[in-house]
Amino acid sequence: MIDTTFSRVDMGSVAEEVLREELPDYRVVRYTVPGIKDLPGAARRLIDMGCDGIITLGWVGASQVDKYSYIAMSVGLVMLSVLTGKVIVDVTVHEDESQDPRELKEIAINRARAHAENLVKLLTGGLDALRPWAGQGVRQGRPSVGPL
């Protein structure tokens, strides 16, 4: 798992707790980097160390430059997943999702926990791990919107 010093919430500890509890027979590696643009390279290093799955936990500032950095990071993670065949779950909180700091913290904690649970399912449940939730409008960090 990879988190950043730029994050304003310690999402890494939330995800780490879920992973250690749900995957007691797995080795959980936590790697903290400065910011989101460092996530793809760090993910590659963890994959090269033998990690089967990666969860990245990043925080995106509200400025346009931050949003461009997010796009670059996201493309890097997608390319890495395609090229290595490894499961990479990206958890990103955008600072402009809420003006209320308490709500933003709640979003970050919920999103980190829910995506860590998704990673557990993907690593242990095979290709059908998330199938029961297909088309259900499930969201992480905010209330689910439900199916149409």
Protein backbone atom coordinates (compact mmCIF):
# COMPACT_ATOMS: atom_id res chain seq x y z
CA MET A 1 0.00 0.00 0.00
CA ILE A 2 1.19 3.48 -0.79
CA ASP A 3 0.10 6.73 0.82
CA THR A 4 1.37 10.31 0.61
CA THR A 5 2.60 13.00 2.94
CA PHE A 6 0.46 15.51 1.01
CA SER A 7 -2.75 13.84 2.22
CA ARG A 8 -4.54 15.71 4.96
CA VAL A 9 -6.00 12.49 6.42
CA ASP A 10 -4.00 9.39 7.35
CA MET A 11 -5.81 7.11 4.92
CA GLY A 12 -2.85 4.72 4.95
CA SER A 13 -3.50 3.71 8.56
CA VAL A 14 -7.18 3.10 7.78
CA ALA A 15 -6.35 0.87 4.81
CA GLU A 16 -3.53 -0.86 6.67
CA GLU A 17 -5.87 -1.79 9.52
CA VAL A 18 -8.37 -3.35 7.09
CA LEU A 19 -5.70 -5.25 5.18
CA ARG A 20 -3.98 -6.64 8.28
CA GLU A 21 -7.32 -7.71 9.77
CA GLU A 22 -8.76 -9.24 6.60
CA LEU A 23 -5.55 -10.75 5.18
CA PRO A 24 -3.68 -12.13 8.21
CA ASP A 25 -1.66 -14.53 6.05
CA TYR A 26 -0.48 -11.79 3.68
CA ARG A 27 2.51 -9.55 4.14
CA VAL A 28 1.31 -5.94 4.12
CA VAL A 29 3.91 -3.42 2.98
CA ARG A 30 3.32 0.28 3.56
CA TYR A 31 5.29 2.83 1.57
CA THR A 32 4.79 6.59 2.03
CA VAL A 33 5.80 9.01 -0.73
CA PRO A 34 5.55 12.82 -1.00
CA GLY A 35 2.64 13.21 -3.43
CA ILE A 36 0.40 11.62 -6.04
CA LYS A 37 2.86 11.87 -8.93
CA ASP A 38 5.12 9.53 -6.93
CA LEU A 39 2.47 6.79 -6.70
CA PRO A 40 3.06 4.99 -10.05
CA GLY A 41 6.82 4.63 -9.49
CA ALA A 42 6.29 3.49 -5.91
CA ALA A 43 3.66 0.99 -7.07
CA ARG A 44 6.14 -0.40 -9.59
CA ARG A 45 8.75 -0.83 -6.84
CA LEU A 46 6.26 -2.76 -4.68
CA ILE A 47 5.26 -4.97 -7.61
CA ASP A 48 8.95 -5.66 -8.28
CA MET A 49 9.23 -6.68 -4.59
CA GLY A 50 6.55 -9.33 -5.22
CA CYS A 51 3.33 -7.61 -4.11
CA ASP A 52 0.20 -9.20 -5.61
CA GLY A 53 -1.98 -6.13 -5.25
CA ILE A 54 -1.54 -2.45 -4.61
CA ILE A 55 -3.76 0.19 -3.04
CA THR A 56 -2.72 3.80 -3.52
CA LEU A 57 -4.08 6.53 -1.29
CA GLY A 58 -3.70 10.03 -2.68
CA TRP A 59 -4.95 13.53 -2.02
CA VAL A 60 -5.56 15.99 -4.84
CA GLY A 61 -5.48 19.70 -4.11
CA ALA A 62 -8.12 22.05 -5.49
CA SER A 63 -5.94 23.91 -8.01
CA GLN A 64 -5.85 23.20 -11.75
CA VAL A 65 -2.19 22.13 -11.47
CA ASP A 66 -3.19 19.54 -8.87
CA LYS A 67 -5.87 18.20 -11.20
CA TYR A 68 -3.31 17.83 -14.02
CA SER A 69 -1.05 15.94 -11.61
CA TYR A 70 -3.97 13.63 -10.80
CA ILE A 71 -4.54 12.86 -14.48
CA ALA A 72 -0.85 12.05 -14.99
CA MET A 73 -0.83 9.82 -11.91
CA SER A 74 -4.01 8.03 -12.92
CA VAL A 75 -2.72 7.28 -16.43
CA GLY A 76 0.52 5.99 -14.90
CA LEU A 77 -1.32 3.62 -12.57
CA VAL A 78 -3.59 2.35 -15.34
CA MET A 79 -0.59 1.69 -17.59
CA LEU A 80 1.24 -0.08 -14.77
CA SER A 81 -1.74 -2.32 -14.08
CA VAL A 82 -2.11 -3.20 -17.75
CA LEU A 83 1.59 -3.89 -18.23
CA THR A 84 2.06 -5.96 -15.06
CA GLY A 85 -1.35 -7.64 -14.78
CA LYS A 86 -1.47 -6.69 -11.09
CA VAL A 87 -4.50 -5.42 -9.21
CA ILE A 88 -4.09 -1.71 -8.45
CA VAL A 89 -6.88 0.04 -6.57
CA ASP A 90 -6.55 3.82 -6.53
CA VAL A 91 -8.11 5.76 -3.67
CA THR A 92 -8.17 9.45 -4.39
CA VAL A 93 -9.74 12.26 -2.42
CA HIS A 94 -10.14 15.61 -4.17
CA GLU A 95 -9.93 18.52 -1.77
CA ASP A 96 -12.78 20.32 -3.53
CA GLU A 97 -15.23 17.45 -2.88
CA SER A 98 -16.41 19.36 0.18
CA GLN A 99 -15.85 22.72 1.79
CA ASP A 100 -16.43 21.20 5.25
CA PRO A 101 -13.20 19.74 6.70
CA ARG A 102 -15.12 17.24 8.85
CA GLU A 103 -17.03 15.94 5.83
CA LEU A 104 -13.82 15.74 3.79
CA LYS A 105 -12.20 13.67 6.54
CA GLU A 106 -15.23 11.38 6.67
CA ILE A 107 -15.10 10.92 2.89
CA ALA A 108 -11.40 10.05 3.06
CA ILE A 109 -11.78 7.52 5.86
CA ASN A 110 -14.81 5.86 4.30
CA ARG A 111 -13.19 5.73 0.86
CA ALA A 112 -9.93 4.27 2.20
CA ARG A 113 -11.78 1.60 4.18
CA ALA A 114 -14.17 0.67 1.38
CA HIS A 115 -11.44 0.42 -1.25
CA ALA A 116 -9.21 -1.62 1.08
CA GLU A 117 -12.16 -4.02 1.42
CA ASN A 118 -12.43 -4.05 -2.38
CA LEU A 119 -8.74 -4.96 -2.66
CA VAL A 120 -9.25 -7.82 -0.21
CA LYS A 121 -12.13 -9.13 -2.31
CA LEU A 122 -10.16 -8.81 -5.54
CA LEU A 123 -7.15 -10.63 -4.10
CA THR A 124 -9.11 -13.45 -2.47
CA GLY A 125 -12.30 -13.82 -4.48
CA GLY A 126 -11.13 -14.26 -8.04
CA LEU A 127 -12.70 -12.73 -11.11
CA ASP A 128 -16.23 -12.80 -9.68
CA ALA A 129 -15.30 -11.11 -6.39
CA LEU A 130 -17.24 -7.90 -7.00
CA ARG A 131 -19.92 -9.37 -9.25
CA PRO A 132 -22.71 -9.25 -6.61
CA TRP A 133 -22.37 -5.45 -6.61
CA ALA A 134 -22.32 -4.97 -10.40
CA GLY A 135 -24.78 -2.32 -11.53
CA GLN A 136 -25.71 -1.37 -7.97
CA GLY A 137 -24.48 2.23 -7.99
CA VAL A 138 -22.03 1.54 -5.16
CA ARG A 139 -19.81 4.48 -4.21
CA GLN A 140 -16.92 4.82 -1.84
CA GLY A 141 -16.69 7.93 0.30
CA ARG A 142 -20.23 9.07 -0.30
CA PRO A 143 -23.60 7.32 -0.07
CA SER A 144 -24.25 4.84 -2.86
CA VAL A 145 -26.70 6.00 -5.50
CA GLY A 146 -28.32 2.61 -6.12
CA PRO A 147 -29.34 0.93 -9.36
CA LEU A 148 -31.72 2.39 -11.92
